[in-house]
Each structure stands twice: as structure tokens, then as C-alpha cells.
Amino acid sequence: MFDVLLSIAISFTITFLAIPAVINVAEMKKLFDMPDERKVHHAPITPLGGLGIFAGFVFGCLLTLHFNQYAELQYFMAAALVIFFLGLKDDILIISPIKKFIGQVLAAFIIIYYGGIQIRSMNGFLGVYQLPEMFSLLLTYFAVIVVINSFNLIDGIDGLAGSLGLISTVIFGIYFLNVNMLPYAVIAFSLAGSLLAFLIFNFQPAKIFMGDTGSLLVGTINAILVIKFINVAGTDEVGFRITSSPAVGFTILMVPLLDTLRVFGIRMFHRRSPFSPDRNHIHHLLLDKGFSHKAITLILSTINLTMIVLVFLARAWNCTLLIFGVFAIFFSMIGIIYYMRPAPRLFVAKGAAGKGAQLTKASKLVQLTKDSILEQNN
């Protein structure tokens, strides 16, 4: 327990101290994420918050984990290092989707082949239990890459990816601590401590973004934790067995996973690359309805937490029924959002000189929303 508390304290402190330094360096070197027609922020903001998250997480792990007793831990750190450099290069230079995908496959290979993280049983989902080796490997690669990308893609507004990552890591950490798997509890809580410190600077109005460096790291660690959770919680070897562990693990990552699968499906339906950018994410839909960044983060985090509690309470039910129930509730929610009446929008004219001046061709109509007002006031 002491190691867990120490890891939280170390990761939180280092990230909290590192973020202001990252912001200052980014301002000096002009390392900003510039606003455009697809992005929701209105001022240049540095996307290098992942540097602080990574520093806090790594130090929290290195100073509390016993690598000589758990050999797989060094490979998790190696995979995190691959993802760190991949995300950092993308935040600074921008890399192609295929190069990013290759880097993710390399990290997944390290996690699966060396770290021993592999989905070996479906625990009754669709009536399937033990999986053939080849299918097990393919499913694990798919799961790891989807989870990594899900946090990368849900990172579209202030505070959302960090809040969802904080929820998932705290829940996984509590479970692993409860079943006396301290190394995995330390990994979970180290990332949770870093995310908690980062969110202080990331809530609207955000002073910094986590960028790909942070979101890919959050996805990688959650991929490790959720697969380990499914494998461990579904067996009788632990003191706290969860019969429908795939359903509970899936629900813990519900919002990023289902939104990613939905958006990928829309893009492929329109014959586009699943990695091509657009504004179809759930947070974009809520923004278009007039919700602020804080409201969207609170709504989606509350929905995710509520679903986790409900599925956990129903953990003895059939795994297939629970997962399809989560699907049905999520997509019903998407349908409700689509049919909500858009919020009234106000516009201000830029370029008209003086009171009562006539609008000229040089004038520009700018949408006035809660977020844009907040940006202008700051």
C-alpha cells in the first residue's frame, strides 16, 4: 500500500512541476497547436502536455516498482517509451497515419510477445471461452491498437481524455490493489496521479493539451490494464472474481471505445480512411448542440461512471447480454443527441467601423458561443 501512495505522490508532484516548465519552453520555441476550421480551440496552445504526464508516470513507476521480481514490467516501460517518442514526433513534426500505425504495432508486439499480455479467454462472450492461439493473438493486437487510438481520438476538448483516463486508471488500480497485484496497481495509480496533476492545467480554459504524446500513452497503459483485468478477474485464482470480466472491462473504457468504433464505421462507410480527421466524435456532436467543454466532460464522465456501476452490480449476468446492453444504451444516447434541437447561436460582426456602421465586404461573421466568449475574455 505504501508503494501505491508513494507512486501517486511522485507522479502527481513531478507532473505538476513539469507542466509549467513545458508551457514556458513551448512559448519560447513557438511550439503551438494552431486553431483551424476543424479544431475547437481559438488560440494557439501547446500540445506537449504529454511530456509532463510521461515524466510523472515513469518516475512514479521506476521509483516504486520492483523490476527484479516482475520481469514483464520492464517491457511495459519499453512499450511506453516507443509510444512516447512516436507521440512526441507527431506533436512536433506531424507524421503520417501509416507510420503512427507501425509504431503502435511495435508497441503492441512488445506488450504481447515480451510482456505476456494476451486475451486467452472470452469468458462466455458469444458463448466462447478459451481461444485458439492464433485467434487470441490477432484479437489482442486488435484490442491493443483500438484502445490506444480510442484515447487519441477522444482527446478533442479540454479535460475529456484526461478525465476518462483518470476514471479508468483509478478503477483498475483499486481492483488490482484489492486482489494484491501491487505492480499493476502501481502502474495504474502512477498514471492516475500524473493525469490528476495534468487536469489542473487542462480544464477549460486549457493552458496546455496532452497531445499525441499523452493520449497515446494513456491508451497504451489502459490497454495493458484492461487485458490484464479481463484475464485475472475472470478466474478463480483471485479473491474477487468477476464472472463477466470482459463486460466490466469494456464498460470501464466505454466512451472512448464505442465512439472510436462508431467514427471508424462512419468513415469506412463513406469510403474514407478510418484515420482521416472529421467532426463526427461525440464531443463534436455535443459542441454543436451548444454545450461547453466543461459540461461535455462532466456529462460523458458521469455517463461512463454510471454505466460502470450498473454493469458491476450486474456482473453475475450473462456477459453477452451486458455488452450488447452497453452498446444499446450508448447508441440510443447518440440518437438522442442527433435529434436534440441545436442551441441558439449568436453572431458578431468583425470589420465594421464605428457605431451603426454598415457591414462591408471586408466584414466577417464570427460565431459567438460560450467557448468563444470564454476564449476572448481570457
Protein backbone atom coordinates (compact mmCIF):
# COMPACT_ATOMS: atom_id res chain seq x y z
CA MET A 1 0.00 0.00 0.00
CA PHE A 2 2.89 2.34 0.77
CA ASP A 3 4.29 1.84 -2.74
CA VAL A 4 0.91 2.81 -4.23
CA LEU A 5 0.67 6.00 -2.16
CA LEU A 6 4.29 6.85 -2.96
CA SER A 7 3.72 6.34 -6.69
CA ILE A 8 0.72 8.70 -6.62
CA ALA A 9 2.66 11.36 -4.72
CA ILE A 10 5.70 11.13 -7.01
CA SER A 11 3.77 11.12 -10.29
CA PHE A 12 1.47 13.96 -9.23
CA THR A 13 4.34 16.15 -7.96
CA ILE A 14 6.59 15.67 -10.99
CA THR A 15 3.80 16.30 -13.50
CA PHE A 16 2.54 19.31 -11.55
CA LEU A 17 6.03 20.84 -11.55
CA ALA A 18 6.84 19.84 -15.14
CA ILE A 19 3.76 21.26 -16.89
CA PRO A 20 4.52 24.98 -16.22
CA ALA A 21 8.09 24.42 -17.44
CA VAL A 22 6.78 22.76 -20.62
CA ILE A 23 4.42 25.69 -21.21
CA ASN A 24 7.26 28.22 -20.80
CA VAL A 25 9.60 26.34 -23.17
CA ALA A 26 6.80 25.93 -25.73
CA GLU A 27 6.13 29.67 -25.64
CA MET A 28 9.81 30.46 -26.16
CA LYS A 29 10.16 27.99 -29.05
CA LYS A 30 6.70 28.76 -30.51
CA LEU A 31 5.58 25.12 -30.29
CA PHE A 32 1.82 25.60 -30.59
CA ASP A 33 -1.21 23.75 -31.91
CA MET A 34 -2.70 26.39 -34.18
CA PRO A 35 -6.50 26.68 -34.46
CA ASP A 36 -8.21 25.86 -37.77
CA GLU A 37 -11.70 25.14 -39.11
CA ARG A 38 -11.76 21.61 -37.63
CA LYS A 39 -10.36 22.33 -34.17
CA VAL A 40 -12.39 23.65 -31.27
CA HIS A 41 -9.84 25.94 -29.63
CA HIS A 42 -9.49 29.57 -30.72
CA ALA A 43 -5.97 30.44 -29.57
CA PRO A 44 -2.53 28.84 -30.05
CA ILE A 45 -1.94 26.27 -27.28
CA THR A 46 0.98 23.91 -26.85
CA PRO A 47 0.15 20.20 -27.30
CA LEU A 48 3.17 18.99 -25.31
CA GLY A 49 1.42 18.18 -22.03
CA GLY A 50 2.24 14.52 -22.64
CA LEU A 51 5.86 15.33 -21.69
CA GLY A 52 4.75 16.12 -18.15
CA ILE A 53 2.40 13.12 -17.99
CA PHE A 54 5.13 10.77 -19.22
CA ALA A 55 7.72 12.16 -16.79
CA GLY A 56 5.40 11.78 -13.79
CA PHE A 57 4.28 8.30 -14.82
CA VAL A 58 7.78 6.95 -15.49
CA PHE A 59 9.29 8.31 -12.29
CA GLY A 60 6.31 7.09 -10.28
CA CYS A 61 6.86 3.58 -11.67
CA LEU A 62 10.66 3.48 -11.63
CA LEU A 63 10.93 4.58 -8.00
CA THR A 64 8.32 2.16 -6.63
CA LEU A 65 8.20 -0.95 -8.84
CA HIS A 66 10.42 -3.97 -8.17
CA PHE A 67 11.57 -4.90 -11.67
CA ASN A 68 13.72 -7.80 -10.41
CA GLN A 69 10.59 -9.57 -9.15
CA TYR A 70 8.30 -8.87 -12.12
CA ALA A 71 10.19 -9.21 -15.40
CA GLU A 72 7.27 -8.14 -17.61
CA LEU A 73 7.28 -4.62 -16.13
CA GLN A 74 10.45 -3.61 -17.99
CA TYR A 75 8.73 -4.43 -21.28
CA PHE A 76 5.75 -2.27 -20.39
CA MET A 77 8.16 0.62 -19.83
CA ALA A 78 9.84 -0.16 -23.17
CA ALA A 79 6.46 -0.05 -24.96
CA ALA A 80 5.64 3.23 -23.20
CA LEU A 81 8.98 4.64 -24.40
CA VAL A 82 8.20 3.68 -28.02
CA ILE A 83 4.79 5.35 -27.76
CA PHE A 84 6.34 8.42 -26.12
CA PHE A 85 8.76 9.10 -28.99
CA LEU A 86 6.07 8.29 -31.55
CA GLY A 87 3.66 10.79 -30.00
CA LEU A 88 6.33 13.43 -29.44
CA LYS A 89 7.39 13.33 -33.09
CA ASP A 90 3.76 13.60 -34.20
CA ASP A 91 3.13 16.57 -31.88
CA ILE A 92 6.17 18.49 -33.17
CA LEU A 93 6.63 17.40 -36.80
CA ILE A 94 3.40 15.55 -37.74
CA ILE A 95 3.84 12.00 -39.06
CA SER A 96 1.71 10.03 -41.50
CA PRO A 97 -1.03 7.70 -40.20
CA ILE A 98 0.80 4.64 -41.57
CA LYS A 99 3.99 5.48 -39.63
CA LYS A 100 1.93 6.06 -36.50
CA PHE A 101 0.21 2.71 -37.03
CA ILE A 102 3.55 0.90 -37.45
CA GLY A 103 4.78 2.42 -34.19
CA GLN A 104 1.62 1.26 -32.41
CA VAL A 105 2.06 -2.27 -33.79
CA LEU A 106 5.64 -2.28 -32.48
CA ALA A 107 4.46 -1.24 -29.01
CA ALA A 108 1.72 -3.90 -29.15
CA PHE A 109 4.33 -6.52 -30.13
CA ILE A 110 6.46 -5.66 -27.08
CA ILE A 111 3.44 -5.78 -24.77
CA ILE A 112 2.14 -9.09 -26.15
CA TYR A 113 5.29 -11.04 -27.04
CA TYR A 114 7.58 -9.92 -24.20
CA GLY A 115 5.10 -8.65 -21.62
CA GLY A 116 2.80 -11.67 -21.86
CA ILE A 117 -0.37 -9.58 -22.18
CA GLN A 118 -2.80 -11.66 -24.24
CA ILE A 119 -6.57 -12.26 -24.34
CA ARG A 120 -6.81 -16.03 -23.86
CA SER A 121 -10.49 -16.39 -22.98
CA MET A 122 -13.72 -14.58 -23.84
CA ASN A 123 -15.25 -15.65 -20.51
CA GLY A 124 -18.50 -16.67 -22.16
CA PHE A 125 -18.99 -13.71 -24.52
CA LEU A 126 -20.97 -15.07 -27.51
CA GLY A 127 -20.65 -18.48 -25.88
CA VAL A 128 -16.86 -18.53 -26.37
CA TYR A 129 -14.38 -19.37 -23.63
CA GLN A 130 -10.81 -20.49 -24.46
CA LEU A 131 -9.46 -19.06 -27.70
CA PRO A 132 -7.18 -20.73 -30.28
CA GLU A 133 -3.66 -19.31 -30.10
CA MET A 134 -3.67 -17.58 -33.48
CA PHE A 135 -7.10 -16.02 -32.99
CA SER A 136 -6.08 -14.98 -29.47
CA LEU A 137 -3.03 -13.12 -30.82
CA LEU A 138 -4.97 -11.39 -33.60
CA LEU A 139 -7.70 -10.33 -31.17
CA THR A 140 -5.13 -8.99 -28.70
CA TYR A 141 -3.31 -6.95 -31.36
CA PHE A 142 -6.65 -5.54 -32.49
CA ALA A 143 -7.71 -4.72 -28.91
CA VAL A 144 -4.42 -3.01 -28.02
CA ILE A 145 -4.37 -0.84 -31.15
CA VAL A 146 -8.05 0.11 -30.82
CA VAL A 147 -7.65 1.11 -27.16
CA ILE A 148 -4.51 3.15 -27.95
CA ASN A 149 -6.31 5.01 -30.73
CA SER A 150 -9.52 5.43 -28.74
CA PHE A 151 -7.89 7.77 -26.23
CA ASN A 152 -6.02 9.54 -29.03
CA LEU A 153 -9.30 10.23 -30.87
CA ILE A 154 -11.42 11.16 -27.84
CA ASP A 155 -8.87 13.87 -26.95
CA GLY A 156 -10.79 16.64 -28.70
CA ILE A 157 -11.90 19.03 -25.97
CA ASP A 158 -10.48 20.37 -22.73
CA GLY A 159 -10.37 17.83 -19.91
CA LEU A 160 -12.18 14.93 -21.60
CA ALA A 161 -9.41 12.40 -22.36
CA GLY A 162 -7.69 13.17 -19.06
CA SER A 163 -10.91 12.71 -17.07
CA LEU A 164 -11.82 9.42 -18.77
CA GLY A 165 -8.24 8.20 -18.33
CA LEU A 166 -8.30 9.16 -14.67
CA ILE A 167 -11.56 7.25 -14.11
CA SER A 168 -10.29 4.09 -15.81
CA THR A 169 -6.88 4.01 -14.12
CA VAL A 170 -8.32 4.63 -10.66
CA ILE A 171 -10.84 1.80 -11.09
CA PHE A 172 -8.25 -0.63 -12.44
CA GLY A 173 -5.86 0.43 -9.68
CA ILE A 174 -8.44 -0.21 -6.96
CA TYR A 175 -9.20 -3.66 -8.34
CA PHE A 176 -5.54 -4.72 -8.64
CA LEU A 177 -4.86 -3.39 -5.16
CA ASN A 178 -7.83 -5.36 -3.83
CA VAL A 179 -6.55 -8.65 -5.34
CA ASN A 180 -3.00 -7.96 -4.15
CA MET A 181 -1.46 -7.38 -7.60
CA LEU A 182 0.60 -4.41 -6.46
CA PRO A 183 2.74 -3.90 -9.61
CA TYR A 184 -0.34 -3.33 -11.77
CA ALA A 185 -1.90 -1.16 -9.06
CA VAL A 186 1.26 0.98 -9.04
CA ILE A 187 1.18 1.33 -12.84
CA ALA A 188 -2.48 2.37 -12.74
CA PHE A 189 -2.12 4.85 -9.88
CA SER A 190 1.12 6.33 -11.27
CA LEU A 191 -0.74 7.29 -14.43
CA ALA A 192 -3.74 8.45 -12.39
CA GLY A 193 -1.52 10.77 -10.33
CA SER A 194 0.01 12.24 -13.49
CA LEU A 195 -3.40 12.77 -15.10
CA LEU A 196 -4.78 14.41 -11.96
CA ALA A 197 -1.94 16.96 -12.00
CA PHE A 198 -2.31 17.50 -15.75
CA LEU A 199 -6.05 18.18 -15.48
CA ILE A 200 -5.33 21.19 -13.26
CA PHE A 201 -3.87 22.87 -16.36
CA ASN A 202 -6.14 21.25 -18.95
CA PHE A 203 -9.65 22.15 -17.79
CA GLN A 204 -11.27 24.95 -19.73
CA PRO A 205 -9.75 27.35 -20.45
CA ALA A 206 -6.88 24.93 -21.15
CA LYS A 207 -3.33 26.19 -20.82
CA ILE A 208 -1.92 23.03 -22.42
CA PHE A 209 -3.08 19.91 -24.31
CA MET A 210 -1.81 16.38 -23.71
CA GLY A 211 -1.25 15.89 -27.45
CA ASP A 212 -0.45 12.54 -29.02
CA THR A 213 2.41 12.09 -26.55
CA GLY A 214 -0.05 11.96 -23.69
CA SER A 215 -3.13 10.41 -25.30
CA LEU A 216 -1.20 7.51 -26.88
CA LEU A 217 0.49 6.83 -23.53
CA VAL A 218 -2.87 6.82 -21.72
CA GLY A 219 -4.26 4.42 -24.32
CA THR A 220 -1.24 2.10 -24.10
CA ILE A 221 -1.37 1.77 -20.32
CA ASN A 222 -5.13 1.28 -20.37
CA ALA A 223 -4.74 -1.46 -22.99
CA ILE A 224 -2.33 -3.30 -20.68
CA LEU A 225 -4.58 -2.83 -17.65
CA VAL A 226 -7.87 -3.83 -19.30
CA ILE A 227 -6.48 -7.05 -20.82
CA LYS A 228 -4.80 -8.00 -17.55
CA PHE A 229 -8.06 -7.22 -15.73
CA ILE A 230 -10.12 -9.43 -18.08
CA ASN A 231 -7.66 -12.33 -17.71
CA VAL A 232 -7.31 -12.08 -13.93
CA ALA A 233 -10.83 -11.12 -12.84
CA GLY A 234 -12.42 -13.99 -14.79
CA THR A 235 -10.50 -16.72 -12.94
CA ASP A 236 -10.90 -18.37 -9.54
CA GLU A 237 -7.26 -17.64 -8.67
CA VAL A 238 -8.07 -14.20 -7.27
CA GLY A 239 -10.04 -13.36 -4.17
CA PHE A 240 -12.51 -11.18 -6.07
CA ARG A 241 -13.79 -13.00 -9.15
CA ILE A 242 -15.90 -11.11 -11.70
CA THR A 243 -17.80 -13.56 -13.89
CA SER A 244 -18.44 -11.09 -16.71
CA SER A 245 -14.97 -9.50 -16.63
CA PRO A 246 -14.96 -8.67 -20.40
CA ALA A 247 -18.22 -6.72 -19.96
CA VAL A 248 -16.90 -4.80 -16.95
CA GLY A 249 -13.55 -4.07 -18.62
CA PHE A 250 -15.30 -2.97 -21.80
CA THR A 251 -17.63 -0.66 -19.85
CA ILE A 252 -14.73 0.99 -18.00
CA LEU A 253 -13.47 2.17 -21.42
CA MET A 254 -16.97 2.55 -22.89
CA VAL A 255 -16.96 6.16 -24.11
CA PRO A 256 -13.58 6.20 -25.92
CA LEU A 257 -14.00 2.66 -27.31
CA LEU A 258 -17.55 2.93 -28.64
CA ASP A 259 -17.05 6.44 -30.00
CA THR A 260 -13.93 5.28 -31.85
CA LEU A 261 -15.68 2.23 -33.32
CA ARG A 262 -18.65 4.41 -34.35
CA VAL A 263 -16.47 7.03 -36.04
CA PHE A 264 -14.32 4.40 -37.76
CA GLY A 265 -17.53 2.80 -39.08
CA ILE A 266 -18.81 6.14 -40.44
CA ARG A 267 -15.52 6.86 -42.20
CA MET A 268 -15.27 3.43 -43.81
CA PHE A 269 -18.94 3.59 -44.83
CA HIS A 270 -18.08 6.76 -46.76
CA ARG A 271 -15.01 5.00 -48.25
CA ARG A 272 -12.51 7.06 -46.30
CA SER A 273 -9.54 6.03 -44.19
CA PRO A 274 -10.60 5.27 -40.59
CA PHE A 275 -7.78 7.61 -39.50
CA SER A 276 -8.94 10.58 -41.61
CA PRO A 277 -9.96 13.59 -39.47
CA ASP A 278 -13.54 14.85 -39.19
CA ARG A 279 -16.02 16.28 -36.70
CA ASN A 280 -18.15 13.21 -36.03
CA HIS A 281 -16.99 12.43 -32.50
CA ILE A 282 -19.49 12.53 -29.67
CA HIS A 283 -17.90 15.65 -28.18
CA HIS A 284 -18.28 17.41 -31.56
CA LEU A 285 -21.98 16.50 -31.62
CA LEU A 286 -22.45 17.96 -28.14
CA LEU A 287 -20.46 21.08 -29.03
CA ASP A 288 -22.77 21.63 -31.99
CA LYS A 289 -25.73 21.47 -29.59
CA GLY A 290 -24.29 24.36 -27.60
CA PHE A 291 -22.66 22.54 -24.65
CA SER A 292 -19.41 23.91 -23.22
CA HIS A 293 -16.21 21.89 -22.81
CA LYS A 294 -16.74 21.56 -19.06
CA ALA A 295 -20.34 20.45 -19.49
CA ILE A 296 -19.42 17.81 -22.09
CA THR A 297 -16.60 16.44 -19.94
CA LEU A 298 -18.90 16.26 -16.92
CA ILE A 299 -21.74 14.63 -18.91
CA LEU A 300 -19.61 11.95 -20.57
CA SER A 301 -17.64 11.19 -17.41
CA THR A 302 -20.86 10.86 -15.40
CA ILE A 303 -22.41 8.57 -18.04
CA ASN A 304 -19.28 6.40 -18.09
CA LEU A 305 -19.18 6.16 -14.29
CA THR A 306 -22.90 5.37 -14.08
CA MET A 307 -22.58 2.58 -16.63
CA ILE A 308 -19.58 1.14 -14.80
CA VAL A 309 -21.56 0.98 -11.56
CA LEU A 310 -24.60 -0.59 -13.27
CA VAL A 311 -22.58 -3.26 -15.10
CA PHE A 312 -20.55 -4.00 -11.98
CA LEU A 313 -23.72 -4.54 -9.97
CA ALA A 314 -24.98 -6.86 -12.74
CA ARG A 315 -21.61 -8.65 -13.08
CA ALA A 316 -23.19 -12.06 -12.43
CA TRP A 317 -25.40 -11.70 -15.54
CA ASN A 318 -24.58 -13.14 -18.94
CA CYS A 319 -21.51 -11.42 -20.43
CA THR A 320 -23.01 -11.19 -23.93
CA LEU A 321 -26.20 -9.60 -22.60
CA LEU A 322 -24.26 -6.98 -20.65
CA ILE A 323 -22.03 -5.95 -23.55
CA PHE A 324 -24.91 -5.67 -26.01
CA GLY A 325 -26.82 -3.72 -23.37
CA VAL A 326 -23.94 -1.22 -23.15
CA PHE A 327 -23.94 -0.94 -26.96
CA ALA A 328 -27.70 -0.32 -27.00
CA ILE A 329 -27.57 2.39 -24.31
CA PHE A 330 -24.62 4.19 -25.91
CA PHE A 331 -26.11 4.30 -29.39
CA SER A 332 -29.51 5.29 -28.01
CA MET A 333 -27.71 8.21 -26.40
CA ILE A 334 -26.13 9.08 -29.76
CA GLY A 335 -29.58 9.01 -31.36
CA ILE A 336 -30.96 11.37 -28.71
CA ILE A 337 -28.06 13.79 -29.33
CA TYR A 338 -28.72 13.78 -33.09
CA TYR A 339 -32.36 14.70 -32.57
CA MET A 340 -31.75 17.38 -29.94
CA ARG A 341 -32.60 20.91 -31.06
CA PRO A 342 -29.41 22.92 -31.67
CA ALA A 343 -28.81 25.75 -29.22
CA PRO A 344 -29.49 29.31 -30.49
CA ARG A 345 -26.36 30.81 -32.00
CA LEU A 346 -25.38 34.46 -31.89
CA PHE A 347 -23.03 36.14 -34.31
CA VAL A 348 -20.90 39.24 -34.06
CA ALA A 349 -19.56 41.21 -36.99
CA LYS A 350 -15.86 41.95 -37.23
CA GLY A 351 -14.68 44.67 -39.55
CA ALA A 352 -17.46 47.26 -39.23
CA ALA A 353 -16.07 50.58 -38.06
CA GLY A 354 -17.91 52.75 -35.56
CA LYS A 355 -21.40 52.60 -34.15
CA GLY A 356 -24.10 51.93 -36.68
CA ALA A 357 -21.58 51.36 -39.48
CA GLN A 358 -22.82 49.37 -42.45
CA LEU A 359 -21.49 45.83 -42.86
CA THR A 360 -18.97 45.81 -45.72
CA LYS A 361 -17.49 43.05 -47.82
CA ALA A 362 -14.42 43.12 -45.59
CA SER A 363 -16.55 42.34 -42.54
CA LYS A 364 -16.52 38.86 -41.12
CA LEU A 365 -19.25 36.97 -39.31
CA VAL A 366 -17.87 35.06 -36.35
CA GLN A 367 -19.92 32.51 -34.44
CA LEU A 368 -20.40 33.54 -30.82
CA THR A 369 -20.57 30.57 -28.45
CA LYS A 370 -19.93 30.06 -24.75
CA ASP A 371 -16.47 28.73 -25.54
CA SER A 372 -15.52 31.59 -27.87
CA ILE A 373 -16.68 34.16 -25.29
CA LEU A 374 -14.52 32.44 -22.68
CA GLU A 375 -11.54 32.42 -25.03
CA GLN A 376 -11.98 36.14 -25.78
CA ASN A 377 -12.24 37.01 -22.08
CA ASN A 378 -9.01 35.20 -21.37
